C-alpha atoms as a PDB file:
ATOM      1  CA  MET A   1      -4.641  -9.820  10.869  1.00  0.00           C
ATOM      2  CA  ASN A   2      -6.966  -7.032   9.762  1.00  0.00           C
ATOM      3  CA  PRO A   3     -10.399  -7.849   8.366  1.00  0.00           C
ATOM      4  CA  PRO A   4     -10.924  -7.564   4.591  1.00  0.00           C
ATOM      5  CA  LEU A   5     -11.534  -4.032   3.414  1.00  0.00           C
ATOM      6  CA  PRO A   6     -15.107  -3.480   2.188  1.00  0.00           C
ATOM      7  CA  VAL A   7     -15.473  -2.770  -1.506  1.00  0.00           C
ATOM      8  CA  PHE A   8     -17.210   0.536  -0.831  1.00  0.00           C
ATOM      9  CA  ALA A   9     -14.138   1.732   1.101  1.00  0.00           C
ATOM     10  CA  LEU A  10     -12.005   1.133  -1.982  1.00  0.00           C
ATOM     11  CA  LEU A  11     -14.472   3.123  -4.047  1.00  0.00           C
ATOM     12  CA  VAL A  12     -14.360   5.981  -1.539  1.00  0.00           C
ATOM     13  CA  ALA A  13     -10.562   5.821  -1.542  1.00  0.00           C
ATOM     14  CA  SER A  14     -10.582   6.015  -5.342  1.00  0.00           C
ATOM     15  CA  ALA A  15     -12.828   9.076  -5.279  1.00  0.00           C
ATOM     16  CA  LEU A  16     -10.730  10.769  -2.620  1.00  0.00           C
ATOM     17  CA  ALA A  17      -7.551  10.060  -4.572  1.00  0.00           C
ATOM     18  CA  LEU A  18      -8.762  12.322  -7.346  1.00  0.00           C
ATOM     19  CA  ALA A  19      -9.133  15.224  -4.921  1.00  0.00           C
ATOM     20  CA  MET A  20      -5.782  14.888  -3.132  1.00  0.00           C
ATOM     21  CA  PRO A  21      -2.508  16.505  -4.176  1.00  0.00           C
ATOM     22  CA  ALA A  22       0.159  14.418  -5.899  1.00  0.00           C
ATOM     23  CA  CYS A  23       2.671  12.746  -3.652  1.00  0.00           C
ATOM     24  CA  ASN A  24       6.151  14.100  -3.267  1.00  0.00           C
ATOM     25  CA  PRO A  25       8.382  11.415  -1.750  1.00  0.00           C
ATOM     26  CA  ALA A  26      10.673  14.068  -0.304  1.00  0.00           C
ATOM     27  CA  LEU A  27       7.867  15.874   1.511  1.00  0.00           C
ATOM     28  CA  TYR A  28       4.860  13.610   1.973  1.00  0.00           C
ATOM     29  CA  VAL A  29       4.358  12.043   5.376  1.00  0.00           C
ATOM     30  CA  VAL A  30       1.295  10.748   7.177  1.00  0.00           C
ATOM     31  CA  THR A  31       0.059  12.835  10.066  1.00  0.00           C
ATOM     32  CA  GLY A  32      -1.926  11.632  13.030  1.00  0.00           C
ATOM     33  CA  ASP A  33      -4.273  13.884  14.974  1.00  0.00           C
ATOM     34  CA  ALA A  34      -4.610  17.536  13.995  1.00  0.00           C
ATOM     35  CA  GLY A  35      -1.525  19.394  15.095  1.00  0.00           C
ATOM     36  CA  ALA A  36       0.525  16.227  15.552  1.00  0.00           C
ATOM     37  CA  ALA A  37       4.028  16.102  14.159  1.00  0.00           C
ATOM     38  CA  PRO A  38       4.387  14.320  10.802  1.00  0.00           C
ATOM     39  CA  VAL A  39       5.336  10.656  11.105  1.00  0.00           C
ATOM     40  CA  ASP A  40       6.570   7.952   8.788  1.00  0.00           C
ATOM     41  CA  ALA A  41       3.761   5.579   7.727  1.00  0.00           C
ATOM     42  CA  ARG A  42       5.693   2.653   9.212  1.00  0.00           C
ATOM     43  CA  THR A  43       5.870   3.967  12.765  1.00  0.00           C
ATOM     44  CA  ASP A  44       3.056   1.721  13.942  1.00  0.00           C
ATOM     45  CA  ALA A  45       4.914  -1.371  12.732  1.00  0.00           C
ATOM     46  CA  VAL A  46       6.729  -3.432  15.322  1.00  0.00           C
ATOM     47  CA  GLY A  47       9.678  -5.303  13.898  1.00  0.00           C
ATOM     48  CA  PHE A  48       8.741  -4.475  10.298  1.00  0.00           C
ATOM     49  CA  ASP A  49      11.345  -5.362   7.679  1.00  0.00           C
ATOM     50  CA  LEU A  50      10.673  -4.041   4.166  1.00  0.00           C
ATOM     51  CA  ALA A  51      13.020  -6.609   2.595  1.00  0.00           C
ATOM     52  CA  THR A  52      10.999  -9.467   4.126  1.00  0.00           C
ATOM     53  CA  CYS A  53       7.741  -7.942   2.887  1.00  0.00           C
ATOM     54  CA  LEU A  54       9.107  -7.432  -0.633  1.00  0.00           C
ATOM     55  CA  ALA A  55      10.449 -10.999  -0.675  1.00  0.00           C
ATOM     56  CA  CYS A  56       6.959 -12.254   0.198  1.00  0.00           C
ATOM     57  CA  LEU A  57       5.429 -10.198  -2.610  1.00  0.00           C
ATOM     58  CA  GLU A  58       7.858 -11.793  -5.070  1.00  0.00           C
ATOM     59  CA  THR A  59       7.321 -15.350  -3.751  1.00  0.00           C
ATOM     60  CA  PRO A  60       5.030 -17.578  -5.862  1.00  0.00           C
ATOM     61  CA  ASP A  61       1.442 -17.850  -4.662  1.00  0.00           C
ATOM     62  CA  ALA A  62       1.754 -21.652  -4.782  1.00  0.00           C
ATOM     63  CA  PRO A  63       3.194 -23.234  -2.775  1.00  0.00           C
ATOM     64  CA  GLY A  64       3.498 -19.773  -1.175  1.00  0.00           C
ATOM     65  CA  PRO A  65       2.905 -17.952   0.892  1.00  0.00           C
ATOM     66  CA  GLY A  66       3.386 -15.159  -1.575  1.00  0.00           C
ATOM     67  CA  CYS A  67       1.805 -12.632  -3.885  1.00  0.00           C
ATOM     68  CA  GLU A  68       3.908 -13.103  -7.027  1.00  0.00           C
ATOM     69  CA  THR A  69       0.903 -13.376  -9.373  1.00  0.00           C
ATOM     70  CA  GLU A  70      -0.591 -10.113  -8.081  1.00  0.00           C
ATOM     71  CA  TYR A  71       2.792  -8.356  -7.892  1.00  0.00           C
ATOM     72  CA  ASP A  72       3.797  -9.358 -11.436  1.00  0.00           C
ATOM     73  CA  ALA A  73       0.413  -8.245 -12.815  1.00  0.00           C
ATOM     74  CA  CYS A  74       0.850  -4.845 -11.174  1.00  0.00           C
ATOM     75  CA  GLN A  75       4.414  -4.469 -12.431  1.00  0.00           C
ATOM     76  CA  ALA A  76       3.290  -5.332 -15.986  1.00  0.00           C
ATOM     77  CA  ASP A  77       0.921  -2.332 -15.973  1.00  0.00           C
ATOM     78  CA  PRO A  78       2.886   0.956 -16.179  1.00  0.00           C
ATOM     79  CA  THR A  79       0.262   2.843 -14.155  1.00  0.00           C
ATOM     80  CA  CYS A  80       0.220   0.221 -11.411  1.00  0.00           C
ATOM     81  CA  ALA A  81       4.030   0.042 -11.397  1.00  0.00           C
ATOM     82  CA  GLU A  82       4.159   3.854 -11.020  1.00  0.00           C
ATOM     83  CA  LEU A  83       1.655   3.686  -8.154  1.00  0.00           C
ATOM     84  CA  TRP A  84       3.654   0.952  -6.409  1.00  0.00           C
ATOM     85  CA  ALA A  85       6.939   2.875  -6.833  1.00  0.00           C
ATOM     86  CA  CYS A  86       5.365   5.929  -5.197  1.00  0.00           C
ATOM     87  CA  ILE A  87       3.914   3.809  -2.371  1.00  0.00           C
ATOM     88  CA  LEU A  88       7.385   2.466  -1.620  1.00  0.00           C
ATOM     89  CA  ALA A  89       9.024   5.893  -1.971  1.00  0.00           C
ATOM     90  CA  VAL A  90       6.776   7.448   0.671  1.00  0.00           C
ATOM     91  CA  ASN A  91       7.016   4.485   3.078  1.00  0.00           C
ATOM     92  CA  CYS A  92       3.365   3.407   3.006  1.00  0.00           C
ATOM     93  CA  VAL A  93       4.096  -0.290   3.590  1.00  0.00           C
ATOM     94  CA  GLY A  94       4.535  -1.664   7.085  1.00  0.00           C
ATOM     95  CA  GLY A  95       1.886   0.176   9.043  1.00  0.00           C
ATOM     96  CA  SER A  96      -1.788  -0.603   9.477  1.00  0.00           C
ATOM     97  CA  THR A  97      -4.081  -1.028   6.486  1.00  0.00           C
ATOM     98  CA  ALA A  98      -5.771   2.291   7.341  1.00  0.00           C
ATOM     99  CA  THR A  99      -2.398   4.049   7.398  1.00  0.00           C
ATOM    100  CA  PHE A 100      -1.471   2.372   4.108  1.00  0.00           C
ATOM    101  CA  ILE A 101      -4.617   3.663   2.406  1.00  0.00           C
ATOM    102  CA  THR A 102      -4.218   7.195   3.770  1.00  0.00           C
ATOM    103  CA  CYS A 103      -0.580   7.236   2.747  1.00  0.00           C
ATOM    104  CA  ALA A 104      -1.200   5.756  -0.713  1.00  0.00           C
ATOM    105  CA  LEU A 105      -4.014   8.099  -1.788  1.00  0.00           C
ATOM    106  CA  PRO A 106      -1.702  10.871  -3.042  1.00  0.00           C
ATOM    107  CA  CYS A 107       0.235   8.207  -4.959  1.00  0.00           C
ATOM    108  CA  ALA A 108      -3.000   7.042  -6.588  1.00  0.00           C
ATOM    109  CA  ASN A 109      -3.725  10.636  -7.533  1.00  0.00           C
ATOM    110  CA  GLU A 110      -0.265  11.009  -9.037  1.00  0.00           C
ATOM    111  CA  ALA A 111      -0.723   7.780 -11.004  1.00  0.00           C
ATOM    112  CA  GLY A 112      -4.088   9.013 -12.332  1.00  0.00           C
ATOM    113  CA  GLY A 113      -6.246   6.678 -10.255  1.00  0.00           C
ATOM    114  CA  ILE A 114      -6.184   3.142  -8.952  1.00  0.00           C
ATOM    115  CA  PRO A 115      -5.413   0.720 -11.799  1.00  0.00           C
ATOM    116  CA  PRO A 116      -7.102  -2.702 -11.859  1.00  0.00           C
ATOM    117  CA  GLY A 117      -3.942  -4.560 -10.791  1.00  0.00           C
ATOM    118  CA  ALA A 118      -3.510  -2.506  -7.629  1.00  0.00           C
ATOM    119  CA  SER A 119      -6.511  -3.880  -5.733  1.00  0.00           C
ATOM    120  CA  PRO A 120      -5.496  -7.574  -5.938  1.00  0.00           C
ATOM    121  CA  LEU A 121      -1.949  -6.660  -4.864  1.00  0.00           C
ATOM    122  CA  PHE A 122      -3.292  -4.637  -1.935  1.00  0.00           C
ATOM    123  CA  GLU A 123      -5.581  -7.496  -0.877  1.00  0.00           C
ATOM    124  CA  CYS A 124      -2.727 -10.012  -0.951  1.00  0.00           C
ATOM    125  CA  LEU A 125      -0.378  -7.636   0.874  1.00  0.00           C
ATOM    126  CA  ALA A 126      -2.860  -6.463   3.490  1.00  0.00           C
ATOM    127  CA  ASN A 127      -5.336  -9.311   3.993  1.00  0.00           C
ATOM    128  CA  ASP A 128      -3.854 -12.487   2.594  1.00  0.00           C
ATOM    129  CA  ALA A 129      -0.521 -14.265   2.142  1.00  0.00           C
ATOM    130  CA  CYS A 130       1.855 -11.387   2.902  1.00  0.00           C
ATOM    131  CA  ALA A 131      -0.165  -9.641   5.627  1.00  0.00           C
ATOM    132  CA  PRO A 132       1.825 -11.281   8.450  1.00  0.00           C
ATOM    133  CA  VAL A 133       5.047  -9.628   7.235  1.00  0.00           C
ATOM    134  CA  CYS A 134       3.706  -6.492   5.483  1.00  0.00           C
ATOM    135  CA  VAL A 135       1.073  -5.099   7.886  1.00  0.00           C
ATOM    136  CA  ALA A 136       1.440  -3.900  11.468  1.00  0.00           C
ATOM    137  CA  LYS A 137      -0.016  -6.330  13.964  1.00  0.00           C
END
């Protein structure tokens, strides 16, 4: 499991999101080293199954393991729901947390920033209950 992401990194990601172009699910892909061919954000995932990850996100926190509280809060906020829809559309889930953040930044820009409900959902997905099935090992 990856270590928790420092708060300052989230602030930097928020600032960078404002400077990046909006995501286009048909065109946006994560690239590796300069000159490398574009790749899907999930290519570093071994045995990743999006359906299993999404099921975890919709499973109650207690008895868990799940992120239902965080997921429902995000879905209740139109900006967070838009951000999450973009994140899924461009295949940001399933790779490493660093790949997730890089991939999701254009989505945050398109949504107008990172809404309050997005950070708790990210933490649960990447560093807590659903990390074993949502993040590359």
